[in-house]
Amino acid sequence: MGPIYLFDVASSQAQWLSLRQAAISSNVANANTPGYQAKDIESFSKLLDGKLIPIAVTSPMHIASGTASSPGETRDKDGWDIVHSGNSVSLEQEMLKAGDVNRDYSLNTAIVKSFQRMFMNSAKG
């Protein structure tokens, strides 16, 4: 039996969700800080682009390898509105993003639990 990558992907997504929640929390904490620019991290799909399974090639000229961004990289994110103080944090937008993180985490754990249950049942024979 070969390696099972689902658990690695789920673990990577859980770490990414944790980092995104930290960025959202930082934005909410600085909602009243003059000049603060809202931050977010790169999307999980960009993180996975070159990370999961290396593609075997016969020549380095066949497929150009891209670099995946680090899950800890933050970038300035344009908020919905920039208020007079120059702050771009929108609490409504941050709460929507926090809801997305919660939903994605719940889906991640449900898939891992289901896969683990299937794996254990197949192991029992």
N, C-alpha and C. Protein backbone atom coordinates (compact mmCIF):
# COMPACT_ATOMS: atom_id res chain seq x y z
N MET A 1 0.85 -1.17 0.00
CA MET A 1 0.00 0.00 0.00
C MET A 1 0.90 1.24 0.00
N GLY A 2 0.57 2.18 -0.84
CA GLY A 2 1.37 3.39 -0.96
C GLY A 2 1.02 4.40 0.11
N PRO A 3 1.71 5.50 0.12
CA PRO A 3 1.45 6.54 1.12
C PRO A 3 0.07 7.18 0.91
N ILE A 4 -0.50 7.66 1.98
CA ILE A 4 -1.82 8.30 1.93
C ILE A 4 -1.60 9.79 2.13
N TYR A 5 -1.87 10.55 1.08
CA TYR A 5 -1.59 11.98 1.10
C TYR A 5 -2.74 12.81 1.67
N LEU A 6 -3.91 12.19 1.84
CA LEU A 6 -5.05 12.94 2.34
C LEU A 6 -4.77 13.54 3.71
N PHE A 7 -4.13 12.77 4.57
CA PHE A 7 -3.84 13.27 5.91
C PHE A 7 -2.84 14.43 5.87
N ASP A 8 -1.87 14.37 4.95
CA ASP A 8 -0.91 15.47 4.80
C ASP A 8 -1.61 16.73 4.31
N VAL A 9 -2.50 16.57 3.35
CA VAL A 9 -3.24 17.72 2.82
C VAL A 9 -4.13 18.32 3.91
N ALA A 10 -4.82 17.46 4.64
CA ALA A 10 -5.69 17.94 5.71
C ALA A 10 -4.90 18.66 6.80
N SER A 11 -3.74 18.14 7.12
CA SER A 11 -2.90 18.79 8.12
C SER A 11 -2.41 20.15 7.63
N SER A 12 -2.01 20.20 6.37
CA SER A 12 -1.56 21.48 5.79
C SER A 12 -2.68 22.49 5.77
N GLN A 13 -3.89 22.04 5.43
CA GLN A 13 -5.01 22.98 5.40
C GLN A 13 -5.36 23.45 6.82
N ALA A 14 -5.27 22.57 7.80
CA ALA A 14 -5.55 22.98 9.18
C ALA A 14 -4.55 24.04 9.64
N GLN A 15 -3.28 23.87 9.28
CA GLN A 15 -2.27 24.89 9.62
C GLN A 15 -2.57 26.19 8.90
N TRP A 16 -2.95 26.11 7.63
CA TRP A 16 -3.28 27.30 6.85
C TRP A 16 -4.48 28.01 7.46
N LEU A 17 -5.49 27.25 7.86
CA LEU A 17 -6.68 27.86 8.48
C LEU A 17 -6.33 28.54 9.79
N SER A 18 -5.42 27.95 10.54
CA SER A 18 -4.98 28.56 11.79
C SER A 18 -4.28 29.90 11.53
N LEU A 19 -3.41 29.92 10.52
CA LEU A 19 -2.71 31.17 10.18
C LEU A 19 -3.68 32.23 9.66
N ARG A 20 -4.66 31.79 8.87
CA ARG A 20 -5.64 32.76 8.35
C ARG A 20 -6.48 33.32 9.49
N GLN A 21 -6.86 32.48 10.45
CA GLN A 21 -7.63 32.97 11.59
C GLN A 21 -6.81 33.96 12.41
N ALA A 22 -5.52 33.73 12.53
CA ALA A 22 -4.65 34.67 13.24
C ALA A 22 -4.59 36.02 12.51
N ALA A 23 -4.54 35.99 11.18
CA ALA A 23 -4.53 37.23 10.41
C ALA A 23 -5.84 37.98 10.57
N ILE A 24 -6.95 37.25 10.55
CA ILE A 24 -8.26 37.86 10.74
C ILE A 24 -8.36 38.47 12.14
N SER A 25 -7.88 37.76 13.14
CA SER A 25 -7.90 38.26 14.52
C SER A 25 -7.08 39.53 14.65
N SER A 26 -5.95 39.56 13.98
CA SER A 26 -5.10 40.76 14.01
C SER A 26 -5.82 41.94 13.36
N ASN A 27 -6.51 41.68 12.26
CA ASN A 27 -7.27 42.75 11.61
C ASN A 27 -8.36 43.30 12.52
N VAL A 28 -9.08 42.40 13.19
CA VAL A 28 -10.15 42.83 14.09
C VAL A 28 -9.57 43.60 15.27
N ALA A 29 -8.44 43.13 15.80
CA ALA A 29 -7.82 43.81 16.93
C ALA A 29 -7.36 45.22 16.57
N ASN A 30 -7.01 45.44 15.31
CA ASN A 30 -6.53 46.74 14.86
C ASN A 30 -7.58 47.53 14.09
N ALA A 31 -8.84 47.21 14.31
CA ALA A 31 -9.93 47.87 13.57
C ALA A 31 -9.97 49.38 13.81
N ASN A 32 -9.50 49.83 14.96
CA ASN A 32 -9.52 51.26 15.27
C ASN A 32 -8.14 51.91 15.20
N THR A 33 -7.16 51.20 14.70
CA THR A 33 -5.81 51.74 14.59
C THR A 33 -5.70 52.60 13.32
N PRO A 34 -5.39 53.88 13.47
CA PRO A 34 -5.29 54.74 12.28
C PRO A 34 -4.19 54.25 11.33
N GLY A 35 -4.51 54.19 10.04
CA GLY A 35 -3.53 53.82 9.03
C GLY A 35 -3.29 52.33 8.88
N TYR A 36 -3.93 51.50 9.69
CA TYR A 36 -3.72 50.06 9.61
C TYR A 36 -4.35 49.51 8.34
N GLN A 37 -3.61 48.69 7.61
CA GLN A 37 -4.12 48.05 6.39
C GLN A 37 -4.44 46.59 6.70
N ALA A 38 -5.64 46.17 6.33
CA ALA A 38 -6.06 44.79 6.56
C ALA A 38 -5.10 43.83 5.85
N LYS A 39 -4.84 42.68 6.47
CA LYS A 39 -3.93 41.69 5.92
C LYS A 39 -4.67 40.36 5.78
N ASP A 40 -4.18 39.57 4.86
CA ASP A 40 -4.69 38.22 4.67
C ASP A 40 -3.53 37.37 4.16
N ILE A 41 -3.68 36.06 4.19
CA ILE A 41 -2.62 35.20 3.68
C ILE A 41 -3.01 34.68 2.31
N GLU A 42 -2.03 34.16 1.58
CA GLU A 42 -2.28 33.63 0.24
C GLU A 42 -3.28 32.48 0.33
N SER A 43 -4.00 32.25 -0.73
CA SER A 43 -5.02 31.20 -0.74
C SER A 43 -4.38 29.81 -0.62
N PHE A 44 -5.15 28.89 -0.11
CA PHE A 44 -4.65 27.53 0.09
C PHE A 44 -4.34 26.85 -1.24
N SER A 45 -5.10 27.17 -2.28
CA SER A 45 -4.84 26.55 -3.58
C SER A 45 -3.49 26.98 -4.13
N LYS A 46 -3.08 28.21 -3.88
CA LYS A 46 -1.75 28.66 -4.32
C LYS A 46 -0.66 27.93 -3.54
N LEU A 47 -0.93 27.66 -2.28
CA LEU A 47 0.03 26.92 -1.45
C LEU A 47 0.24 25.51 -1.98
N LEU A 48 -0.83 24.89 -2.47
CA LEU A 48 -0.75 23.51 -2.93
C LEU A 48 -0.20 23.36 -4.34
N ASP A 49 -0.13 24.44 -5.09
CA ASP A 49 0.26 24.35 -6.50
C ASP A 49 1.53 23.54 -6.73
N GLY A 50 2.56 23.74 -5.95
CA GLY A 50 3.80 23.00 -6.18
C GLY A 50 4.23 22.15 -5.02
N LYS A 51 3.33 21.89 -4.06
CA LYS A 51 3.78 21.28 -2.83
C LYS A 51 3.49 19.79 -2.71
N LEU A 52 2.38 19.30 -3.19
CA LEU A 52 1.94 17.96 -2.84
C LEU A 52 2.83 16.84 -3.34
N ILE A 53 2.70 16.51 -4.57
CA ILE A 53 3.43 15.37 -5.11
C ILE A 53 4.31 15.88 -6.24
N PRO A 54 5.61 15.73 -6.12
CA PRO A 54 6.47 16.20 -7.21
C PRO A 54 6.20 15.38 -8.48
N ILE A 55 6.17 16.07 -9.60
CA ILE A 55 5.91 15.42 -10.88
C ILE A 55 7.24 14.91 -11.43
N ALA A 56 7.26 13.65 -11.82
CA ALA A 56 8.47 13.06 -12.40
C ALA A 56 8.57 13.48 -13.86
N VAL A 57 9.70 14.01 -14.23
CA VAL A 57 9.93 14.44 -15.61
C VAL A 57 11.21 13.80 -16.12
N THR A 58 11.27 13.62 -17.42
CA THR A 58 12.46 13.03 -18.02
C THR A 58 13.51 14.08 -18.34
N SER A 59 13.09 15.33 -18.43
CA SER A 59 14.00 16.43 -18.71
C SER A 59 13.55 17.65 -17.93
N PRO A 60 14.48 18.43 -17.37
CA PRO A 60 14.06 19.62 -16.62
C PRO A 60 13.39 20.67 -17.50
N MET A 61 13.51 20.53 -18.82
CA MET A 61 12.90 21.49 -19.74
C MET A 61 11.41 21.19 -20.00
N HIS A 62 10.93 20.01 -19.59
CA HIS A 62 9.55 19.63 -19.88
C HIS A 62 8.53 20.40 -19.06
N ILE A 63 8.76 20.50 -17.80
CA ILE A 63 7.81 21.18 -16.91
C ILE A 63 8.59 22.17 -16.06
N ALA A 64 8.18 23.43 -16.12
CA ALA A 64 8.82 24.44 -15.28
C ALA A 64 8.22 24.36 -13.89
N SER A 65 9.08 24.30 -12.90
CA SER A 65 8.57 24.22 -11.53
C SER A 65 8.39 25.62 -10.97
N GLY A 66 7.24 25.83 -10.35
CA GLY A 66 6.95 27.12 -9.72
C GLY A 66 7.24 27.03 -8.25
N THR A 67 7.34 28.15 -7.62
CA THR A 67 7.57 28.15 -6.18
C THR A 67 6.27 28.41 -5.47
N ALA A 68 5.99 27.62 -4.49
CA ALA A 68 4.77 27.81 -3.69
C ALA A 68 5.06 28.84 -2.60
N SER A 69 4.06 29.62 -2.30
CA SER A 69 4.25 30.62 -1.26
C SER A 69 4.17 29.97 0.11
N SER A 70 4.83 30.54 1.05
CA SER A 70 4.81 30.05 2.42
C SER A 70 3.45 30.35 3.03
N PRO A 71 2.89 29.42 3.84
CA PRO A 71 1.59 29.69 4.41
C PRO A 71 1.61 30.86 5.40
N GLY A 72 2.79 31.25 5.86
CA GLY A 72 2.86 32.34 6.81
C GLY A 72 2.98 33.71 6.18
N GLU A 73 3.10 33.75 4.85
CA GLU A 73 3.24 35.04 4.20
C GLU A 73 1.93 35.81 4.27
N THR A 74 2.00 37.04 4.70
CA THR A 74 0.81 37.87 4.70
C THR A 74 0.97 38.93 3.64
N ARG A 75 -0.14 39.39 3.18
CA ARG A 75 -0.12 40.44 2.19
C ARG A 75 -1.19 41.45 2.54
N ASP A 76 -0.99 42.69 2.15
CA ASP A 76 -2.00 43.70 2.39
C ASP A 76 -3.21 43.37 1.54
N LYS A 77 -4.36 43.51 2.14
CA LYS A 77 -5.60 43.19 1.46
C LYS A 77 -6.43 44.45 1.40
N ASP A 78 -6.94 44.75 0.22
CA ASP A 78 -7.80 45.92 0.10
C ASP A 78 -9.10 45.64 0.81
N GLY A 79 -9.46 46.51 1.74
CA GLY A 79 -10.72 46.38 2.44
C GLY A 79 -11.84 46.92 1.59
N TRP A 80 -13.06 46.78 2.07
CA TRP A 80 -14.19 47.30 1.33
C TRP A 80 -14.15 48.81 1.28
N ASP A 81 -13.86 49.41 2.42
CA ASP A 81 -13.83 50.87 2.51
C ASP A 81 -12.61 51.29 3.30
N ILE A 82 -12.07 52.43 2.93
CA ILE A 82 -11.00 53.02 3.72
C ILE A 82 -11.59 54.25 4.37
N VAL A 83 -11.56 54.26 5.69
CA VAL A 83 -12.17 55.36 6.44
C VAL A 83 -11.21 56.55 6.50
N HIS A 84 -11.68 57.62 7.08
CA HIS A 84 -10.92 58.87 7.15
C HIS A 84 -9.54 58.68 7.78
N SER A 85 -9.43 57.77 8.75
CA SER A 85 -8.15 57.55 9.42
C SER A 85 -7.17 56.75 8.58
N GLY A 86 -7.60 56.24 7.41
CA GLY A 86 -6.72 55.45 6.56
C GLY A 86 -6.76 53.96 6.88
N ASN A 87 -7.63 53.56 7.78
CA ASN A 87 -7.76 52.17 8.17
C ASN A 87 -8.63 51.45 7.16
N SER A 88 -8.20 50.28 6.69
CA SER A 88 -8.97 49.55 5.68
C SER A 88 -9.67 48.31 6.24
N VAL A 89 -9.76 48.17 7.56
CA VAL A 89 -10.40 47.00 8.15
C VAL A 89 -11.91 47.19 8.15
N SER A 90 -12.62 46.22 7.60
CA SER A 90 -14.08 46.19 7.64
C SER A 90 -14.47 45.03 8.55
N LEU A 91 -15.10 45.32 9.67
CA LEU A 91 -15.45 44.25 10.60
C LEU A 91 -16.42 43.25 9.97
N GLU A 92 -17.30 43.74 9.11
CA GLU A 92 -18.23 42.83 8.44
C GLU A 92 -17.47 41.84 7.54
N GLN A 93 -16.51 42.34 6.80
CA GLN A 93 -15.71 41.49 5.92
C GLN A 93 -14.89 40.49 6.74
N GLU A 94 -14.33 40.94 7.85
CA GLU A 94 -13.53 40.04 8.68
C GLU A 94 -14.41 38.95 9.31
N MET A 95 -15.64 39.27 9.68
CA MET A 95 -16.54 38.26 10.24
C MET A 95 -16.95 37.25 9.17
N LEU A 96 -17.12 37.71 7.92
CA LEU A 96 -17.41 36.79 6.83
C LEU A 96 -16.24 35.83 6.61
N LYS A 97 -15.02 36.37 6.65
CA LYS A 97 -13.83 35.52 6.48
C LYS A 97 -13.70 34.54 7.64
N ALA A 98 -14.02 34.98 8.86
CA ALA A 98 -13.95 34.08 10.01
C ALA A 98 -14.98 32.95 9.88
N GLY A 99 -16.14 33.27 9.34
CA GLY A 99 -17.15 32.24 9.07
C GLY A 99 -16.67 31.24 8.03
N ASP A 100 -15.98 31.73 7.00
CA ASP A 100 -15.40 30.85 5.99
C ASP A 100 -14.38 29.91 6.60
N VAL A 101 -13.54 30.44 7.49
CA VAL A 101 -12.52 29.61 8.16
C VAL A 101 -13.21 28.53 9.00
N ASN A 102 -14.25 28.91 9.72
CA ASN A 102 -14.97 27.95 10.55
C ASN A 102 -15.60 26.85 9.70
N ARG A 103 -16.22 27.23 8.60
CA ARG A 103 -16.85 26.26 7.71
C ARG A 103 -15.80 25.33 7.09
N ASP A 104 -14.68 25.89 6.64
CA ASP A 104 -13.63 25.08 6.03
C ASP A 104 -13.00 24.12 7.03
N TYR A 105 -12.83 24.57 8.28
CA TYR A 105 -12.27 23.70 9.31
C TYR A 105 -13.23 22.54 9.61
N SER A 106 -14.52 22.84 9.69
CA SER A 106 -15.51 21.79 9.94
C SER A 106 -15.53 20.77 8.81
N LEU A 107 -15.45 21.24 7.58
CA LEU A 107 -15.41 20.33 6.43
C LEU A 107 -14.15 19.48 6.46
N ASN A 108 -13.02 20.10 6.77
CA ASN A 108 -11.74 19.40 6.84
C ASN A 108 -11.82 18.26 7.86
N THR A 109 -12.29 18.55 9.05
CA THR A 109 -12.35 17.51 10.09
C THR A 109 -13.36 16.43 9.74
N ALA A 110 -14.48 16.79 9.10
CA ALA A 110 -15.48 15.78 8.73
C ALA A 110 -14.90 14.82 7.68
N ILE A 111 -14.16 15.35 6.72
CA ILE A 111 -13.57 14.49 5.68
C ILE A 111 -12.52 13.57 6.30
N VAL A 112 -11.68 14.11 7.18
CA VAL A 112 -10.65 13.27 7.81
C VAL A 112 -11.29 12.18 8.66
N LYS A 113 -12.34 12.51 9.41
CA LYS A 113 -13.01 11.50 10.23
C LYS A 113 -13.62 10.40 9.36
N SER A 114 -14.25 10.79 8.25
CA SER A 114 -14.85 9.80 7.36
C SER A 114 -13.78 8.91 6.73
N PHE A 115 -12.69 9.51 6.29
CA PHE A 115 -11.62 8.73 5.67
C PHE A 115 -10.98 7.80 6.69
N GLN A 116 -10.80 8.26 7.89
CA GLN A 116 -10.20 7.43 8.94
C GLN A 116 -11.12 6.25 9.26
N ARG A 117 -12.42 6.51 9.29
CA ARG A 117 -13.39 5.43 9.54
C ARG A 117 -13.33 4.38 8.43
N MET A 118 -13.29 4.84 7.16
CA MET A 118 -13.19 3.92 6.03
C MET A 118 -11.89 3.13 6.08
N PHE A 119 -10.80 3.80 6.40
CA PHE A 119 -9.50 3.16 6.48
C PHE A 119 -9.49 2.07 7.56
N MET A 120 -10.04 2.40 8.72
CA MET A 120 -10.08 1.42 9.81
C MET A 120 -10.98 0.23 9.48
N ASN A 121 -12.11 0.49 8.81
CA ASN A 121 -12.99 -0.62 8.43
C ASN A 121 -12.33 -1.52 7.41
N SER A 122 -11.56 -0.97 6.48
CA SER A 122 -10.88 -1.80 5.49
C SER A 122 -9.74 -2.57 6.15
N ALA A 123 -9.13 -2.02 7.17
CA ALA A 123 -8.04 -2.71 7.86
C ALA A 123 -8.55 -3.89 8.68
N LYS A 124 -9.79 -3.76 9.19
CA LYS A 124 -10.38 -4.85 9.97
C LYS A 124 -10.70 -6.05 9.10
N GLY A 125 -10.96 -5.78 7.84
CA GLY A 125 -11.15 -6.87 6.88
C GLY A 125 -12.56 -7.24 6.75
